[in-house]
Amino acid sequence: MAFNHVALQTASGKIADIPETTHPVLASGITTVPGVDDTNEEITVVAGTTYIVTVTGTFCIFGFLTTGTAANVIYVVPANTHALIHVPIGVTSLHVQSPKVSGTTIFLRKVTR
């Protein structure tokens, strides 16, 4: 299965690292399967941490508040793609929504900076 890279630029103009070249933290993985089509779900994350996110099956949208409100959607990660998500300090919930949950899996790994 081929994976693509999504290049992200931070608000300060810094180009984010390439996910494949970052170093995952041992035993930090989170795997989740969305439960209901088009429903906001929460993943508990560590504040101030960067995660590599890999989505299989279909695309997912991510945010730090409910993804049921379009203004809260910060990241869109296509299927079979890696992306870096930077969790702000003070935030411990990553919200996710998938239009079709059948066959969709979300993998998160902490990375060292």
C-alpha atoms as a PDB file:
ATOM      1  CA  MET A   1       0.000   0.000   0.000  1.00  0.00           C
ATOM      2  CA  ALA A   2       1.500   3.329  -1.053  1.00  0.00           C
ATOM      3  CA  PHE A   3       1.425   6.256   1.347  1.00  0.00           C
ATOM      4  CA  ASN A   4       1.674   9.922   0.476  1.00  0.00           C
ATOM      5  CA  HIS A   5       3.175  12.776   2.489  1.00  0.00           C
ATOM      6  CA  VAL A   6       1.214  15.906   3.361  1.00  0.00           C
ATOM      7  CA  ALA A   7       3.512  18.918   3.842  1.00  0.00           C
ATOM      8  CA  LEU A   8       2.278  21.257   6.563  1.00  0.00           C
ATOM      9  CA  GLN A   9       3.335  24.803   7.278  1.00  0.00           C
ATOM     10  CA  THR A  10       2.866  26.246  10.747  1.00  0.00           C
ATOM     11  CA  ALA A  11       1.328  29.652  11.396  1.00  0.00           C
ATOM     12  CA  SER A  12       4.851  31.006  11.954  1.00  0.00           C
ATOM     13  CA  GLY A  13       5.889  29.850   8.487  1.00  0.00           C
ATOM     14  CA  LYS A  14       8.013  26.872   9.616  1.00  0.00           C
ATOM     15  CA  ILE A  15       7.762  23.876   7.310  1.00  0.00           C
ATOM     16  CA  ALA A  16       6.879  20.801   9.338  1.00  0.00           C
ATOM     17  CA  ASP A  17       9.136  17.762   9.392  1.00  0.00           C
ATOM     18  CA  ILE A  18       8.503  14.932   6.963  1.00  0.00           C
ATOM     19  CA  PRO A  19       6.625  12.296   8.998  1.00  0.00           C
ATOM     20  CA  GLU A  20       8.720   9.426   7.663  1.00  0.00           C
ATOM     21  CA  THR A  21      11.942  11.065   8.939  1.00  0.00           C
ATOM     22  CA  THR A  22      10.754  11.727  12.488  1.00  0.00           C
ATOM     23  CA  HIS A  23      11.481   9.378  15.362  1.00  0.00           C
ATOM     24  CA  PRO A  24       8.462   7.721  17.035  1.00  0.00           C
ATOM     25  CA  VAL A  25       8.511   7.361  20.805  1.00  0.00           C
ATOM     26  CA  LEU A  26       8.591   3.714  21.855  1.00  0.00           C
ATOM     27  CA  ALA A  27       5.223   2.316  23.036  1.00  0.00           C
ATOM     28  CA  SER A  28       3.371   5.579  22.295  1.00  0.00           C
ATOM     29  CA  GLY A  29       1.020   4.285  19.609  1.00  0.00           C
ATOM     30  CA  ILE A  30      -2.734   4.777  19.638  1.00  0.00           C
ATOM     31  CA  THR A  31      -4.955   2.846  17.237  1.00  0.00           C
ATOM     32  CA  THR A  32      -8.643   3.598  16.889  1.00  0.00           C
ATOM     33  CA  VAL A  33     -11.475   2.644  14.578  1.00  0.00           C
ATOM     34  CA  PRO A  34     -14.230   5.262  14.223  1.00  0.00           C
ATOM     35  CA  GLY A  35     -17.558   3.891  15.438  1.00  0.00           C
ATOM     36  CA  VAL A  36     -20.275   5.762  13.546  1.00  0.00           C
ATOM     37  CA  ASP A  37     -20.256   7.481  10.133  1.00  0.00           C
ATOM     38  CA  ASP A  38     -20.049  11.305  10.303  1.00  0.00           C
ATOM     39  CA  THR A  39     -19.946  11.411  14.116  1.00  0.00           C
ATOM     40  CA  ASN A  40     -17.458  13.396  16.194  1.00  0.00           C
ATOM     41  CA  GLU A  41     -15.308  11.144  18.385  1.00  0.00           C
ATOM     42  CA  GLU A  42     -12.558  11.978  20.904  1.00  0.00           C
ATOM     43  CA  ILE A  43      -9.046  10.573  21.254  1.00  0.00           C
ATOM     44  CA  THR A  44      -7.120  11.360  24.444  1.00  0.00           C
ATOM     45  CA  VAL A  45      -3.705  12.838  23.610  1.00  0.00           C
ATOM     46  CA  VAL A  46      -0.820  14.426  25.517  1.00  0.00           C
ATOM     47  CA  ALA A  47      -0.761  18.232  25.569  1.00  0.00           C
ATOM     48  CA  GLY A  48       2.173  19.898  23.816  1.00  0.00           C
ATOM     49  CA  THR A  49       3.047  16.756  21.850  1.00  0.00           C
ATOM     50  CA  THR A  50       3.434  16.112  18.126  1.00  0.00           C
ATOM     51  CA  TYR A  51       1.901  12.992  16.609  1.00  0.00           C
ATOM     52  CA  ILE A  52       2.317  11.272  13.255  1.00  0.00           C
ATOM     53  CA  VAL A  53      -1.193  10.373  12.108  1.00  0.00           C
ATOM     54  CA  THR A  54      -1.843   7.687   9.510  1.00  0.00           C
ATOM     55  CA  VAL A  55      -5.350   7.078   8.184  1.00  0.00           C
ATOM     56  CA  THR A  56      -6.350   4.005   6.178  1.00  0.00           C
ATOM     57  CA  GLY A  57      -9.657   3.370   4.418  1.00  0.00           C
ATOM     58  CA  THR A  58     -10.980   6.889   3.851  1.00  0.00           C
ATOM     59  CA  PHE A  59     -10.137  10.454   4.842  1.00  0.00           C
ATOM     60  CA  CYS A  60     -10.684  11.829   8.348  1.00  0.00           C
ATOM     61  CA  ILE A  61     -11.036  15.351   9.701  1.00  0.00           C
ATOM     62  CA  PHE A  62      -9.392  16.387  12.970  1.00  0.00           C
ATOM     63  CA  GLY A  63      -9.719  19.294  15.386  1.00  0.00           C
ATOM     64  CA  PHE A  64      -9.242  20.237  19.028  1.00  0.00           C
ATOM     65  CA  LEU A  65     -12.950  20.988  19.524  1.00  0.00           C
ATOM     66  CA  THR A  66     -15.935  19.096  18.107  1.00  0.00           C
ATOM     67  CA  THR A  67     -15.562  18.374  14.399  1.00  0.00           C
ATOM     68  CA  GLY A  68     -19.339  18.623  14.117  1.00  0.00           C
ATOM     69  CA  THR A  69     -18.758  22.369  13.625  1.00  0.00           C
ATOM     70  CA  ALA A  70     -16.892  23.140  10.386  1.00  0.00           C
ATOM     71  CA  ALA A  71     -14.981  26.059  11.931  1.00  0.00           C
ATOM     72  CA  ASN A  72     -13.287  23.631  14.347  1.00  0.00           C
ATOM     73  CA  VAL A  73     -11.801  21.404  11.629  1.00  0.00           C
ATOM     74  CA  ILE A  74      -8.042  22.028  11.535  1.00  0.00           C
ATOM     75  CA  TYR A  75      -6.656  18.996   9.700  1.00  0.00           C
ATOM     76  CA  VAL A  76      -7.963  16.867   6.835  1.00  0.00           C
ATOM     77  CA  VAL A  77      -5.941  13.680   6.405  1.00  0.00           C
ATOM     78  CA  PRO A  78      -6.614  11.701   3.209  1.00  0.00           C
ATOM     79  CA  ALA A  79      -6.626   7.909   3.182  1.00  0.00           C
ATOM     80  CA  ASN A  80      -3.237   6.186   3.110  1.00  0.00           C
ATOM     81  CA  THR A  81      -1.452   9.389   4.092  1.00  0.00           C
ATOM     82  CA  HIS A  82       0.812  10.450   6.960  1.00  0.00           C
ATOM     83  CA  ALA A  83       0.443  13.878   8.562  1.00  0.00           C
ATOM     84  CA  LEU A  84       1.914  15.617  11.594  1.00  0.00           C
ATOM     85  CA  ILE A  85      -0.523  16.995  14.146  1.00  0.00           C
ATOM     86  CA  HIS A  86       0.820  19.391  16.777  1.00  0.00           C
ATOM     87  CA  VAL A  87      -1.292  19.306  19.965  1.00  0.00           C
ATOM     88  CA  PRO A  88      -1.271  22.697  21.720  1.00  0.00           C
ATOM     89  CA  ILE A  89      -0.271  23.035  25.369  1.00  0.00           C
ATOM     90  CA  GLY A  90      -3.350  22.643  27.571  1.00  0.00           C
ATOM     91  CA  VAL A  91      -5.238  20.449  25.056  1.00  0.00           C
ATOM     92  CA  THR A  92      -5.778  16.753  25.823  1.00  0.00           C
ATOM     93  CA  SER A  93      -8.501  15.818  23.331  1.00  0.00           C
ATOM     94  CA  LEU A  94      -8.157  15.305  19.607  1.00  0.00           C
ATOM     95  CA  HIS A  95     -11.530  15.172  17.879  1.00  0.00           C
ATOM     96  CA  VAL A  96     -11.935  13.065  14.745  1.00  0.00           C
ATOM     97  CA  GLN A  97     -14.693  12.367  12.252  1.00  0.00           C
ATOM     98  CA  SER A  98     -14.832  10.011   9.271  1.00  0.00           C
ATOM     99  CA  PRO A  99     -17.533   9.999   6.576  1.00  0.00           C
ATOM    100  CA  LYS A 100     -17.359   6.214   6.225  1.00  0.00           C
ATOM    101  CA  VAL A 101     -16.040   4.153   9.106  1.00  0.00           C
ATOM    102  CA  SER A 102     -16.113   0.760   7.408  1.00  0.00           C
ATOM    103  CA  GLY A 103     -12.474  -0.191   6.808  1.00  0.00           C
ATOM    104  CA  THR A 104     -11.111   3.026   8.360  1.00  0.00           C
ATOM    105  CA  THR A 105      -8.363   2.855  10.976  1.00  0.00           C
ATOM    106  CA  ILE A 106      -6.490   5.767  12.572  1.00  0.00           C
ATOM    107  CA  PHE A 107      -2.943   5.302  13.891  1.00  0.00           C
ATOM    108  CA  LEU A 108      -1.203   7.951  16.058  1.00  0.00           C
ATOM    109  CA  ARG A 109       2.424   7.845  17.232  1.00  0.00           C
ATOM    110  CA  LYS A 110       4.190  10.442  19.386  1.00  0.00           C
ATOM    111  CA  VAL A 111       7.361  11.803  17.858  1.00  0.00           C
ATOM    112  CA  THR A 112      10.461  13.339  19.375  1.00  0.00           C
ATOM    113  CA  ARG A 113      11.290  16.864  18.245  1.00  0.00           C
END
